Amino acid sequence: MNFGSMFNAVSSWKGLIANHPEITWTGEWLGKLLDVLSQVLWVALAIVGTAGAIYAIYVGVKMARADSADAREENKKRLVNIIVSIVVVIVLIIVFNIFVPMILDAVWTAANNPTTTP
């Protein structure tokens, strides 16, 4: 098995449930739920990224056109908050959709295949 197919097998919720037959009692409805949730989160990622970029441009223009230093500083703080918020949301969605299935796959594999140490 090459690395690419192994990555695809465990980097999705469907692959995780398919790789572990011990969770088949919840696999049918859980797989459907997680698949829908994953797709919704990818769409949310696109919406949040687009809306955040548009709002960041708007605040940047407001900052550039501000008459006073106080208004410029206020818009600068808003811009920093927007960027931090967008980054946090993007990271959380990517972690939930990619890294959590990988971590759970590793934990379930280790729990079901204990190694003996000398």
PDB file of N, CA and C in Angstrom:
ATOM      1  N   MET A   1       0.850  -1.168   0.000  1.00  0.00           N
ATOM      2  CA  MET A   1       0.000   0.000   0.000  1.00  0.00           C
ATOM      3  C   MET A   1       0.897   1.232   0.000  1.00  0.00           C
ATOM      4  N   ASN A   2       0.646   2.139  -0.923  1.00  0.00           N
ATOM      5  CA  ASN A   2       1.458   3.346  -0.954  1.00  0.00           C
ATOM      6  C   ASN A   2       0.892   4.368   0.021  1.00  0.00           C
ATOM      7  N   PHE A   3       1.702   5.383   0.287  1.00  0.00           N
ATOM      8  CA  PHE A   3       1.321   6.369   1.297  1.00  0.00           C
ATOM      9  C   PHE A   3       0.052   7.112   0.918  1.00  0.00           C
ATOM     10  N   GLY A   4      -0.131   7.421  -0.362  1.00  0.00           N
ATOM     11  CA  GLY A   4      -1.300   8.169  -0.803  1.00  0.00           C
ATOM     12  C   GLY A   4      -2.600   7.455  -0.492  1.00  0.00           C
ATOM     13  N   SER A   5      -2.666   6.154  -0.776  1.00  0.00           N
ATOM     14  CA  SER A   5      -3.905   5.432  -0.497  1.00  0.00           C
ATOM     15  C   SER A   5      -4.107   5.251   1.004  1.00  0.00           C
ATOM     16  N   MET A   6      -3.018   5.110   1.760  1.00  0.00           N
ATOM     17  CA  MET A   6      -3.142   4.993   3.203  1.00  0.00           C
ATOM     18  C   MET A   6      -3.650   6.313   3.792  1.00  0.00           C
ATOM     19  N   PHE A   7      -3.159   7.424   3.266  1.00  0.00           N
ATOM     20  CA  PHE A   7      -3.599   8.734   3.740  1.00  0.00           C
ATOM     21  C   PHE A   7      -5.080   8.920   3.469  1.00  0.00           C
ATOM     22  N   ASN A   8      -5.547   8.546   2.278  1.00  0.00           N
ATOM     23  CA  ASN A   8      -6.956   8.689   1.941  1.00  0.00           C
ATOM     24  C   ASN A   8      -7.836   7.768   2.777  1.00  0.00           C
ATOM     25  N   ALA A   9      -7.304   6.620   3.164  1.00  0.00           N
ATOM     26  CA  ALA A   9      -8.103   5.667   3.919  1.00  0.00           C
ATOM     27  C   ALA A   9      -8.431   6.183   5.312  1.00  0.00           C
ATOM     28  N   VAL A  10      -7.510   6.892   5.926  1.00  0.00           N
ATOM     29  CA  VAL A  10      -7.748   7.326   7.297  1.00  0.00           C
ATOM     30  C   VAL A  10      -7.990   8.818   7.429  1.00  0.00           C
ATOM     31  N   SER A  11      -7.938   9.567   6.343  1.00  0.00           N
ATOM     32  CA  SER A  11      -8.149  11.005   6.471  1.00  0.00           C
ATOM     33  C   SER A  11      -9.600  11.397   6.202  1.00  0.00           C
ATOM     34  N   SER A  12     -10.485  10.423   6.233  1.00  0.00           N
ATOM     35  CA  SER A  12     -11.903  10.718   6.079  1.00  0.00           C
ATOM     36  C   SER A  12     -12.681   9.910   7.112  1.00  0.00           C
ATOM     37  N   TRP A  13     -13.853  10.407   7.448  1.00  0.00           N
ATOM     38  CA  TRP A  13     -14.680   9.706   8.423  1.00  0.00           C
ATOM     39  C   TRP A  13     -15.177   8.380   7.871  1.00  0.00           C
ATOM     40  N   LYS A  14     -15.513   8.339   6.574  1.00  0.00           N
ATOM     41  CA  LYS A  14     -15.964   7.077   5.975  1.00  0.00           C
ATOM     42  C   LYS A  14     -14.860   6.038   6.009  1.00  0.00           C
ATOM     43  N   GLY A  15     -13.642   6.451   5.689  1.00  0.00           N
ATOM     44  CA  GLY A  15     -12.509   5.539   5.718  1.00  0.00           C
ATOM     45  C   GLY A  15     -12.244   5.012   7.114  1.00  0.00           C
ATOM     46  N   LEU A  16     -12.416   5.857   8.103  1.00  0.00           N
ATOM     47  CA  LEU A  16     -12.208   5.433   9.481  1.00  0.00           C
ATOM     48  C   LEU A  16     -13.213   4.362   9.879  1.00  0.00           C
ATOM     49  N   ILE A  17     -14.467   4.582   9.577  1.00  0.00           N
ATOM     50  CA  ILE A  17     -15.501   3.606   9.940  1.00  0.00           C
ATOM     51  C   ILE A  17     -15.333   2.324   9.126  1.00  0.00           C
ATOM     52  N   ALA A  18     -14.947   2.450   7.861  1.00  0.00           N
ATOM     53  CA  ALA A  18     -14.753   1.261   7.025  1.00  0.00           C
ATOM     54  C   ALA A  18     -13.565   0.429   7.489  1.00  0.00           C
ATOM     55  N   ASN A  19     -12.548   1.065   8.054  1.00  0.00           N
ATOM     56  CA  ASN A  19     -11.345   0.348   8.491  1.00  0.00           C
ATOM     57  C   ASN A  19     -11.528  -0.382   9.820  1.00  0.00           C
ATOM     58  N   HIS A  20     -12.566  -0.057  10.550  1.00  0.00           N
ATOM     59  CA  HIS A  20     -12.733  -0.645  11.883  1.00  0.00           C
ATOM     60  C   HIS A  20     -14.098  -1.314  12.009  1.00  0.00           C
ATOM     61  N   PRO A  21     -14.152  -2.614  11.760  1.00  0.00           N
ATOM     62  CA  PRO A  21     -15.438  -3.322  11.837  1.00  0.00           C
ATOM     63  C   PRO A  21     -16.008  -3.398  13.253  1.00  0.00           C
ATOM     64  N   GLU A  22     -15.202  -3.140  14.266  1.00  0.00           N
ATOM     65  CA  GLU A  22     -15.702  -3.207  15.635  1.00  0.00           C
ATOM     66  C   GLU A  22     -16.693  -2.091  15.957  1.00  0.00           C
ATOM     67  N   ILE A  23     -16.798  -1.099  15.082  1.00  0.00           N
ATOM     68  CA  ILE A  23     -17.771  -0.031  15.316  1.00  0.00           C
ATOM     69  C   ILE A  23     -18.929  -0.107  14.323  1.00  0.00           C
ATOM     70  N   THR A  24     -19.184  -1.301  13.796  1.00  0.00           N
ATOM     71  CA  THR A  24     -20.260  -1.448  12.818  1.00  0.00           C
ATOM     72  C   THR A  24     -21.638  -1.233  13.425  1.00  0.00           C
ATOM     73  N   TRP A  25     -21.811  -1.430  14.723  1.00  0.00           N
ATOM     74  CA  TRP A  25     -23.122  -1.216  15.321  1.00  0.00           C
ATOM     75  C   TRP A  25     -23.554   0.231  15.228  1.00  0.00           C
ATOM     76  N   THR A  26     -22.592   1.142  15.132  1.00  0.00           N
ATOM     77  CA  THR A  26     -22.939   2.550  14.929  1.00  0.00           C
ATOM     78  C   THR A  26     -22.500   3.030  13.556  1.00  0.00           C
ATOM     79  N   GLY A  27     -21.827   2.185  12.828  1.00  0.00           N
ATOM     80  CA  GLY A  27     -21.228   2.603  11.573  1.00  0.00           C
ATOM     81  C   GLY A  27     -22.206   3.093  10.537  1.00  0.00           C
ATOM     82  N   GLU A  28     -23.387   2.492  10.488  1.00  0.00           N
ATOM     83  CA  GLU A  28     -24.336   2.874   9.447  1.00  0.00           C
ATOM     84  C   GLU A  28     -24.837   4.302   9.630  1.00  0.00           C
ATOM     85  N   TRP A  29     -25.406   4.604  10.781  1.00  0.00           N
ATOM     86  CA  TRP A  29     -25.926   5.957  10.990  1.00  0.00           C
ATOM     87  C   TRP A  29     -24.822   6.945  11.304  1.00  0.00           C
ATOM     88  N   LEU A  30     -23.765   6.488  12.010  1.00  0.00           N
ATOM     89  CA  LEU A  30     -22.667   7.377  12.357  1.00  0.00           C
ATOM     90  C   LEU A  30     -21.894   7.792  11.110  1.00  0.00           C
ATOM     91  N   GLY A  31     -21.703   6.849  10.202  1.00  0.00           N
ATOM     92  CA  GLY A  31     -21.007   7.165   8.959  1.00  0.00           C
ATOM     93  C   GLY A  31     -21.751   8.201   8.137  1.00  0.00           C
ATOM     94  N   LYS A  32     -23.072   8.036   8.061  1.00  0.00           N
ATOM     95  CA  LYS A  32     -23.886   9.004   7.316  1.00  0.00           C
ATOM     96  C   LYS A  32     -23.845  10.378   7.973  1.00  0.00           C
ATOM     97  N   LEU A  33     -23.970  10.398   9.292  1.00  0.00           N
ATOM     98  CA  LEU A  33     -23.941  11.656  10.021  1.00  0.00           C
ATOM     99  C   LEU A  33     -22.607  12.368   9.845  1.00  0.00           C
ATOM    100  N   LEU A  34     -21.512  11.647  10.030  1.00  0.00           N
ATOM    101  CA  LEU A  34     -20.195  12.267   9.918  1.00  0.00           C
ATOM    102  C   LEU A  34     -19.885  12.681   8.489  1.00  0.00           C
ATOM    103  N   ASP A  35     -20.390  11.937   7.510  1.00  0.00           N
ATOM    104  CA  ASP A  35     -20.182  12.316   6.118  1.00  0.00           C
ATOM    105  C   ASP A  35     -20.900  13.624   5.802  1.00  0.00           C
ATOM    106  N   VAL A  36     -22.142  13.744   6.253  1.00  0.00           N
ATOM    107  CA  VAL A  36     -22.890  14.980   6.041  1.00  0.00           C
ATOM    108  C   VAL A  36     -22.239  16.138   6.797  1.00  0.00           C
ATOM    109  N   LEU A  37     -21.852  15.895   8.039  1.00  0.00           N
ATOM    110  CA  LEU A  37     -21.205  16.931   8.837  1.00  0.00           C
ATOM    111  C   LEU A  37     -19.898  17.390   8.192  1.00  0.00           C
ATOM    112  N   SER A  38     -19.144  16.455   7.662  1.00  0.00           N
ATOM    113  CA  SER A  38     -17.891  16.796   6.997  1.00  0.00           C
ATOM    114  C   SER A  38     -18.137  17.668   5.776  1.00  0.00           C
ATOM    115  N   GLN A  39     -19.130  17.296   4.972  1.00  0.00           N
ATOM    116  CA  GLN A  39     -19.440  18.095   3.781  1.00  0.00           C
ATOM    117  C   GLN A  39     -19.936  19.493   4.166  1.00  0.00           C
ATOM    118  N   VAL A  40     -20.757  19.571   5.202  1.00  0.00           N
ATOM    119  CA  VAL A  40     -21.253  20.865   5.657  1.00  0.00           C
ATOM    120  C   VAL A  40     -20.099  21.736   6.149  1.00  0.00           C
ATOM    121  N   LEU A  41     -19.148  21.117   6.838  1.00  0.00           N
ATOM    122  CA  LEU A  41     -18.018  21.895   7.339  1.00  0.00           C
ATOM    123  C   LEU A  41     -17.126  22.401   6.214  1.00  0.00           C
ATOM    124  N   TRP A  42     -16.959  21.606   5.137  1.00  0.00           N
ATOM    125  CA  TRP A  42     -16.168  22.102   4.001  1.00  0.00           C
ATOM    126  C   TRP A  42     -16.870  23.277   3.334  1.00  0.00           C
ATOM    127  N   VAL A  43     -18.194  23.218   3.232  1.00  0.00           N
ATOM    128  CA  VAL A  43     -18.947  24.344   2.671  1.00  0.00           C
ATOM    129  C   VAL A  43     -18.831  25.551   3.603  1.00  0.00           C
ATOM    130  N   ALA A  44     -18.935  25.321   4.906  1.00  0.00           N
ATOM    131  CA  ALA A  44     -18.791  26.405   5.877  1.00  0.00           C
ATOM    132  C   ALA A  44     -17.406  27.031   5.785  1.00  0.00           C
ATOM    133  N   LEU A  45     -16.407  26.206   5.532  1.00  0.00           N
ATOM    134  CA  LEU A  45     -15.050  26.725   5.370  1.00  0.00           C
ATOM    135  C   LEU A  45     -14.981  27.696   4.202  1.00  0.00           C
ATOM    136  N   ALA A  46     -15.594  27.341   3.093  1.00  0.00           N
ATOM    137  CA  ALA A  46     -15.599  28.222   1.927  1.00  0.00           C
ATOM    138  C   ALA A  46     -16.374  29.508   2.209  1.00  0.00           C
ATOM    139  N   ILE A  47     -17.511  29.377   2.877  1.00  0.00           N
ATOM    140  CA  ILE A  47     -18.320  30.560   3.179  1.00  0.00           C
ATOM    141  C   ILE A  47     -17.610  31.482   4.157  1.00  0.00           C
ATOM    142  N   VAL A  48     -17.054  30.918   5.222  1.00  0.00           N
ATOM    143  CA  VAL A  48     -16.352  31.731   6.217  1.00  0.00           C
ATOM    144  C   VAL A  48     -15.128  32.400   5.593  1.00  0.00           C
ATOM    145  N   GLY A  49     -14.394  31.659   4.794  1.00  0.00           N
ATOM    146  CA  GLY A  49     -13.223  32.244   4.144  1.00  0.00           C
ATOM    147  C   GLY A  49     -13.578  33.381   3.212  1.00  0.00           C
ATOM    148  N   THR A  50     -14.622  33.178   2.423  1.00  0.00           N
ATOM    149  CA  THR A  50     -15.048  34.219   1.486  1.00  0.00           C
ATOM    150  C   THR A  50     -15.602  35.435   2.221  1.00  0.00           C
ATOM    151  N   ALA A  51     -16.494  35.210   3.164  1.00  0.00           N
ATOM    152  CA  ALA A  51     -17.083  36.329   3.910  1.00  0.00           C
ATOM    153  C   ALA A  51     -16.010  37.071   4.706  1.00  0.00           C
ATOM    154  N   GLY A  52     -15.102  36.322   5.295  1.00  0.00           N
ATOM    155  CA  GLY A  52     -14.027  36.953   6.062  1.00  0.00           C
ATOM    156  C   GLY A  52     -13.108  37.786   5.186  1.00  0.00           C
ATOM    157  N   ALA A  53     -12.792  37.275   4.002  1.00  0.00           N
ATOM    158  CA  ALA A  53     -11.938  38.034   3.083  1.00  0.00           C
ATOM    159  C   ALA A  53     -12.624  39.315   2.623  1.00  0.00           C
ATOM    160  N   ILE A  54     -13.912  39.218   2.309  1.00  0.00           N
ATOM    161  CA  ILE A  54     -14.651  40.408   1.878  1.00  0.00           C
ATOM    162  C   ILE A  54     -14.725  41.432   3.008  1.00  0.00           C
ATOM    163  N   TYR A  55     -15.024  40.973   4.211  1.00  0.00           N
ATOM    164  CA  TYR A  55     -15.118  41.899   5.345  1.00  0.00           C
ATOM    165  C   TYR A  55     -13.749  42.498   5.682  1.00  0.00           C
ATOM    166  N   ALA A  56     -12.686  41.691   5.561  1.00  0.00           N
ATOM    167  CA  ALA A  56     -11.342  42.204   5.818  1.00  0.00           C
ATOM    168  C   ALA A  56     -10.973  43.288   4.806  1.00  0.00           C
ATOM    169  N   ILE A  57     -11.352  43.104   3.556  1.00  0.00           N
ATOM    170  CA  ILE A  57     -11.101  44.138   2.538  1.00  0.00           C
ATOM    171  C   ILE A  57     -11.883  45.401   2.876  1.00  0.00           C
ATOM    172  N   TYR A  58     -13.138  45.244   3.272  1.00  0.00           N
ATOM    173  CA  TYR A  58     -13.975  46.388   3.642  1.00  0.00           C
ATOM    174  C   TYR A  58     -13.354  47.159   4.811  1.00  0.00           C
ATOM    175  N   VAL A  59     -12.924  46.439   5.848  1.00  0.00           N
ATOM    176  CA  VAL A  59     -12.320  47.102   7.008  1.00  0.00           C
ATOM    177  C   VAL A  59     -10.982  47.729   6.624  1.00  0.00           C
ATOM    178  N   GLY A  60     -10.240  47.085   5.754  1.00  0.00           N
ATOM    179  CA  GLY A  60      -8.983  47.663   5.290  1.00  0.00           C
ATOM    180  C   GLY A  60      -9.192  48.967   4.541  1.00  0.00           C
ATOM    181  N   VAL A  61     -10.214  49.006   3.722  1.00  0.00           N
ATOM    182  CA  VAL A  61     -10.536  50.252   3.007  1.00  0.00           C
ATOM    183  C   VAL A  61     -10.983  51.322   3.994  1.00  0.00           C
ATOM    184  N   LYS A  62     -11.812  50.928   4.976  1.00  0.00           N
ATOM    185  CA  LYS A  62     -12.222  51.893   6.005  1.00  0.00           C
ATOM    186  C   LYS A  62     -11.015  52.415   6.771  1.00  0.00           C
ATOM    187  N   MET A  63     -10.053  51.534   7.044  1.00  0.00           N
ATOM    188  CA  MET A  63      -8.855  51.957   7.764  1.00  0.00           C
ATOM    189  C   MET A  63      -8.043  52.947   6.923  1.00  0.00           C
ATOM    190  N   ALA A  64      -7.939  52.673   5.643  1.00  0.00           N
ATOM    191  CA  ALA A  64      -7.166  53.559   4.773  1.00  0.00           C
ATOM    192  C   ALA A  64      -7.847  54.914   4.598  1.00  0.00           C
ATOM    193  N   ARG A  65      -9.173  54.936   4.636  1.00  0.00           N
ATOM    194  CA  ARG A  65      -9.905  56.192   4.421  1.00  0.00           C
ATOM    195  C   ARG A  65     -10.238  56.920   5.719  1.00  0.00           C
ATOM    196  N   ALA A  66      -9.810  56.385   6.847  1.00  0.00           N
ATOM    197  CA  ALA A  66     -10.134  56.998   8.138  1.00  0.00           C
ATOM    198  C   ALA A  66      -9.499  58.379   8.245  1.00  0.00           C
ATOM    199  N   ASP A  67     -10.270  59.310   8.795  1.00  0.00           N
ATOM    200  CA  ASP A  67      -9.789  60.684   8.934  1.00  0.00           C
ATOM    201  C   ASP A  67      -8.904  60.871  10.158  1.00  0.00           C
ATOM    202  N   SER A  68      -9.235  60.180  11.237  1.00  0.00           N
ATOM    203  CA  SER A  68      -8.483  60.378  12.475  1.00  0.00           C
ATOM    204  C   SER A  68      -7.653  59.138  12.805  1.00  0.00           C
ATOM    205  N   ALA A  69      -6.683  59.352  13.656  1.00  0.00           N
ATOM    206  CA  ALA A  69      -5.820  58.244  14.086  1.00  0.00           C
ATOM    207  C   ALA A  69      -6.604  57.255  14.950  1.00  0.00           C
ATOM    208  N   ASP A  70      -7.571  57.757  15.706  1.00  0.00           N
ATOM    209  CA  ASP A  70      -8.381  56.871  16.549  1.00  0.00           C
ATOM    210  C   ASP A  70      -9.208  55.902  15.704  1.00  0.00           C
ATOM    211  N   ALA A  71      -9.822  56.402  14.647  1.00  0.00           N
ATOM    212  CA  ALA A  71     -10.611  55.543  13.759  1.00  0.00           C
ATOM    213  C   ALA A  71      -9.700  54.535  13.059  1.00  0.00           C
ATOM    214  N   ARG A  72      -8.500  54.973  12.699  1.00  0.00           N
ATOM    215  CA  ARG A  72      -7.552  54.075  12.049  1.00  0.00           C
ATOM    216  C   ARG A  72      -7.135  52.947  13.002  1.00  0.00           C
ATOM    217  N   GLU A  73      -6.884  53.276  14.258  1.00  0.00           N
ATOM    218  CA  GLU A  73      -6.496  52.264  15.253  1.00  0.00           C
ATOM    219  C   GLU A  73      -7.650  51.296  15.526  1.00  0.00           C
ATOM    220  N   GLU A  74      -8.873  51.820  15.592  1.00  0.00           N
ATOM    221  CA  GLU A  74     -10.032  50.956  15.817  1.00  0.00           C
ATOM    222  C   GLU A  74     -10.204  49.962  14.663  1.00  0.00           C
ATOM    223  N   ASN A  75     -10.067  50.431  13.447  1.00  0.00           N
ATOM    224  CA  ASN A  75     -10.189  49.541  12.290  1.00  0.00           C
ATOM    225  C   ASN A  75      -9.018  48.566  12.212  1.00  0.00           C
ATOM    226  N   LYS A  76      -7.867  48.997  12.675  1.00  0.00           N
ATOM    227  CA  LYS A  76      -6.717  48.089  12.705  1.00  0.00           C
ATOM    228  C   LYS A  76      -6.979  46.937  13.673  1.00  0.00           C
ATOM    229  N   LYS A  77      -7.555  47.251  14.838  1.00  0.00           N
ATOM    230  CA  LYS A  77      -7.903  46.205  15.811  1.00  0.00           C
ATOM    231  C   LYS A  77      -8.953  45.260  15.225  1.00  0.00           C
ATOM    232  N   ARG A  78      -9.936  45.809  14.537  1.00  0.00           N
ATOM    233  CA  ARG A  78     -10.954  44.971  13.893  1.00  0.00           C
ATOM    234  C   ARG A  78     -10.331  44.045  12.862  1.00  0.00           C
ATOM    235  N   LEU A  79      -9.414  44.584  12.077  1.00  0.00           N
ATOM    236  CA  LEU A  79      -8.761  43.781  11.041  1.00  0.00           C
ATOM    237  C   LEU A  79      -7.971  42.627  11.649  1.00  0.00           C
ATOM    238  N   VAL A  80      -7.262  42.902  12.727  1.00  0.00           N
ATOM    239  CA  VAL A  80      -6.513  41.841  13.411  1.00  0.00           C
ATOM    240  C   VAL A  80      -7.471  40.789  13.957  1.00  0.00           C
ATOM    241  N   ASN A  81      -8.569  41.214  14.546  1.00  0.00           N
ATOM    242  CA  ASN A  81      -9.562  40.261  15.069  1.00  0.00           C
ATOM    243  C   ASN A  81     -10.172  39.414  13.958  1.00  0.00           C
ATOM    244  N   ILE A  82     -10.437  40.030  12.818  1.00  0.00           N
ATOM    245  CA  ILE A  82     -10.991  39.280  11.678  1.00  0.00           C
ATOM    246  C   ILE A  82     -10.020  38.211  11.225  1.00  0.00           C
ATOM    247  N   ILE A  83      -8.771  38.580  11.070  1.00  0.00           N
ATOM    248  CA  ILE A  83      -7.769  37.625  10.584  1.00  0.00           C
ATOM    249  C   ILE A  83      -7.588  36.479  11.572  1.00  0.00           C
ATOM    250  N   VAL A  84      -7.507  36.798  12.855  1.00  0.00           N
ATOM    251  CA  VAL A  84      -7.360  35.749  13.869  1.00  0.00           C
ATOM    252  C   VAL A  84      -8.580  34.830  13.866  1.00  0.00           C
ATOM    253  N   SER A  85      -9.773  35.389  13.775  1.00  0.00           N
ATOM    254  CA  SER A  85     -11.000  34.585  13.768  1.00  0.00           C
ATOM    255  C   SER A  85     -11.054  33.657  12.561  1.00  0.00           C
ATOM    256  N   ILE A  86     -10.702  34.168  11.398  1.00  0.00           N
ATOM    257  CA  ILE A  86     -10.717  33.341  10.186  1.00  0.00           C
ATOM    258  C   ILE A  86      -9.724  32.198  10.312  1.00  0.00           C
ATOM    259  N   VAL A  87      -8.536  32.490  10.803  1.00  0.00           N
ATOM    260  CA  VAL A  87      -7.512  31.446  10.948  1.00  0.00           C
ATOM    261  C   VAL A  87      -7.969  30.377  11.940  1.00  0.00           C
ATOM    262  N   VAL A  88      -8.562  30.783  13.049  1.00  0.00           N
ATOM    263  CA  VAL A  88      -9.032  29.814  14.045  1.00  0.00           C
ATOM    264  C   VAL A  88     -10.117  28.918  13.465  1.00  0.00           C
ATOM    265  N   VAL A  89     -11.080  29.487  12.773  1.00  0.00           N
ATOM    266  CA  VAL A  89     -12.161  28.694  12.186  1.00  0.00           C
ATOM    267  C   VAL A  89     -11.614  27.729  11.138  1.00  0.00           C
ATOM    268  N   ILE A  90     -10.723  28.195  10.282  1.00  0.00           N
ATOM    269  CA  ILE A  90     -10.147  27.327   9.246  1.00  0.00           C
ATOM    270  C   ILE A  90      -9.371  26.179   9.884  1.00  0.00           C
ATOM    271  N   VAL A  91      -8.571  26.474  10.886  1.00  0.00           N
ATOM    272  CA  VAL A  91      -7.790  25.423  11.551  1.00  0.00           C
ATOM    273  C   VAL A  91      -8.703  24.409  12.220  1.00  0.00           C
ATOM    274  N   LEU A  92      -9.754  24.858  12.895  1.00  0.00           N
ATOM    275  CA  LEU A  92     -10.660  23.924  13.566  1.00  0.00           C
ATOM    276  C   LEU A  92     -11.392  23.016  12.576  1.00  0.00           C
ATOM    277  N   ILE A  93     -11.824  23.567  11.456  1.00  0.00           N
ATOM    278  CA  ILE A  93     -12.518  22.751  10.457  1.00  0.00           C
ATOM    279  C   ILE A  93     -11.561  21.725   9.853  1.00  0.00           C
ATOM    280  N   ILE A  94     -10.356  22.139   9.543  1.00  0.00           N
ATOM    281  CA  ILE A  94      -9.381  21.204   8.968  1.00  0.00           C
ATOM    282  C   ILE A  94      -9.015  20.131   9.981  1.00  0.00           C
ATOM    283  N   VAL A  95      -8.836  20.499  11.231  1.00  0.00           N
ATOM    284  CA  VAL A  95      -8.527  19.503  12.264  1.00  0.00           C
ATOM    285  C   VAL A  95      -9.656  18.495  12.388  1.00  0.00           C
ATOM    286  N   PHE A  96     -10.911  18.960  12.422  1.00  0.00           N
ATOM    287  CA  PHE A  96     -12.030  18.038  12.570  1.00  0.00           C
ATOM    288  C   PHE A  96     -12.166  17.117  11.363  1.00  0.00           C
ATOM    289  N   ASN A  97     -11.959  17.641  10.165  1.00  0.00           N
ATOM    290  CA  ASN A  97     -12.179  16.840   8.962  1.00  0.00           C
ATOM    291  C   ASN A  97     -11.003  15.951   8.590  1.00  0.00           C
ATOM    292  N   ILE A  98      -9.802  16.299   8.978  1.00  0.00           N
ATOM    293  CA  ILE A  98      -8.643  15.519   8.535  1.00  0.00           C
ATOM    294  C   ILE A  98      -7.923  14.849   9.698  1.00  0.00           C
ATOM    295  N   PHE A  99      -7.556  15.609  10.724  1.00  0.00           N
ATOM    296  CA  PHE A  99      -6.687  15.061  11.744  1.00  0.00           C
ATOM    297  C   PHE A  99      -7.405  14.229  12.802  1.00  0.00           C
ATOM    298  N   VAL A 100      -8.640  14.554  13.128  1.00  0.00           N
ATOM    299  CA  VAL A 100      -9.360  13.747  14.118  1.00  0.00           C
ATOM    300  C   VAL A 100      -9.575  12.314  13.622  1.00  0.00           C
ATOM    301  N   PRO A 101      -9.982  12.089  12.347  1.00  0.00           N
ATOM    302  CA  PRO A 101     -10.073  10.698  11.889  1.00  0.00           C
ATOM    303  C   PRO A 101      -8.729   9.973  11.926  1.00  0.00           C
ATOM    304  N   MET A 102      -7.648  10.674  11.624  1.00  0.00           N
ATOM    305  CA  MET A 102      -6.322  10.049  11.686  1.00  0.00           C
ATOM    306  C   MET A 102      -5.967   9.656  13.118  1.00  0.00           C
ATOM    307  N   ILE A 103      -6.232  10.548  14.054  1.00  0.00           N
ATOM    308  CA  ILE A 103      -5.920  10.265  15.454  1.00  0.00           C
ATOM    309  C   ILE A 103      -6.769   9.111  15.969  1.00  0.00           C
ATOM    310  N   LEU A 104      -8.073   9.124  15.670  1.00  0.00           N
ATOM    311  CA  LEU A 104      -8.937   8.033  16.112  1.00  0.00           C
ATOM    312  C   LEU A 104      -8.541   6.707  15.478  1.00  0.00           C
ATOM    313  N   ASP A 105      -8.144   6.737  14.207  1.00  0.00           N
ATOM    314  CA  ASP A 105      -7.689   5.521  13.545  1.00  0.00           C
ATOM    315  C   ASP A 105      -6.451   4.968  14.249  1.00  0.00           C
ATOM    316  N   ALA A 106      -5.519   5.822  14.592  1.00  0.00           N
ATOM    317  CA  ALA A 106      -4.308   5.374  15.283  1.00  0.00           C
ATOM    318  C   ALA A 106      -4.629   4.816  16.664  1.00  0.00           C
ATOM    319  N   VAL A 107      -5.543   5.480  17.375  1.00  0.00           N
ATOM    320  CA  VAL A 107      -5.903   5.011  18.722  1.00  0.00           C
ATOM    321  C   VAL A 107      -6.623   3.672  18.654  1.00  0.00           C
ATOM    322  N   TRP A 108      -7.616   3.535  17.746  1.00  0.00           N
ATOM    323  CA  TRP A 108      -8.345   2.278  17.649  1.00  0.00           C
ATOM    324  C   TRP A 108      -7.452   1.152  17.154  1.00  0.00           C
ATOM    325  N   THR A 109      -6.541   1.446  16.256  1.00  0.00           N
ATOM    326  CA  THR A 109      -5.611   0.418  15.779  1.00  0.00           C
ATOM    327  C   THR A 109      -4.713  -0.035  16.913  1.00  0.00           C
ATOM    328  N   ALA A 110      -4.195   0.901  17.690  1.00  0.00           N
ATOM    329  CA  ALA A 110      -3.323   0.552  18.812  1.00  0.00           C
ATOM    330  C   ALA A 110      -4.095  -0.203  19.893  1.00  0.00           C
ATOM    331  N   ALA A 111      -5.348   0.146  20.111  1.00  0.00           N
ATOM    332  CA  ALA A 111      -6.134  -0.518  21.152  1.00  0.00           C
ATOM    333  C   ALA A 111      -6.500  -1.941  20.744  1.00  0.00           C
ATOM    334  N   ASN A 112      -6.715  -2.182  19.462  1.00  0.00           N
ATOM    335  CA  ASN A 112      -7.118  -3.515  19.002  1.00  0.00           C
ATOM    336  C   ASN A 112      -5.939  -4.394  18.625  1.00  0.00           C
ATOM    337  N   ASN A 113      -4.761  -3.822  18.471  1.00  0.00           N
ATOM    338  CA  ASN A 113      -3.558  -4.591  18.142  1.00  0.00           C
ATOM    339  C   ASN A 113      -2.458  -4.265  19.133  1.00  0.00           C
ATOM    340  N   PRO A 114      -2.622  -4.676  20.377  1.00  0.00           N
ATOM    341  CA  PRO A 114      -1.584  -4.327  21.359  1.00  0.00           C
ATOM    342  C   PRO A 114      -0.292  -5.079  21.046  1.00  0.00           C
ATOM    343  N   THR A 115       0.785  -4.376  21.212  1.00  0.00           N
ATOM    344  CA  THR A 115       2.085  -4.994  20.986  1.00  0.00           C
ATOM    345  C   THR A 115       2.638  -5.441  22.318  1.00  0.00           C
ATOM    346  N   THR A 116       3.363  -6.510  22.286  1.00  0.00           N
ATOM    347  CA  THR A 116       3.979  -7.006  23.495  1.00  0.00           C
ATOM    348  C   THR A 116       5.390  -6.481  23.579  1.00  0.00           C
ATOM    349  N   THR A 117       5.742  -6.022  24.741  1.00  0.00           N
ATOM    350  CA  THR A 117       7.101  -5.529  24.940  1.00  0.00           C
ATOM    351  C   THR A 117       7.857  -6.528  25.791  1.00  0.00           C
ATOM    352  N   PRO A 118       9.117  -6.750  25.453  1.00  0.00           N
ATOM    353  CA  PRO A 118       9.907  -7.719  26.217  1.00  0.00           C
ATOM    354  C   PRO A 118      10.236  -7.268  27.605  1.00  0.00           C
TER     355      PRO A 118
END
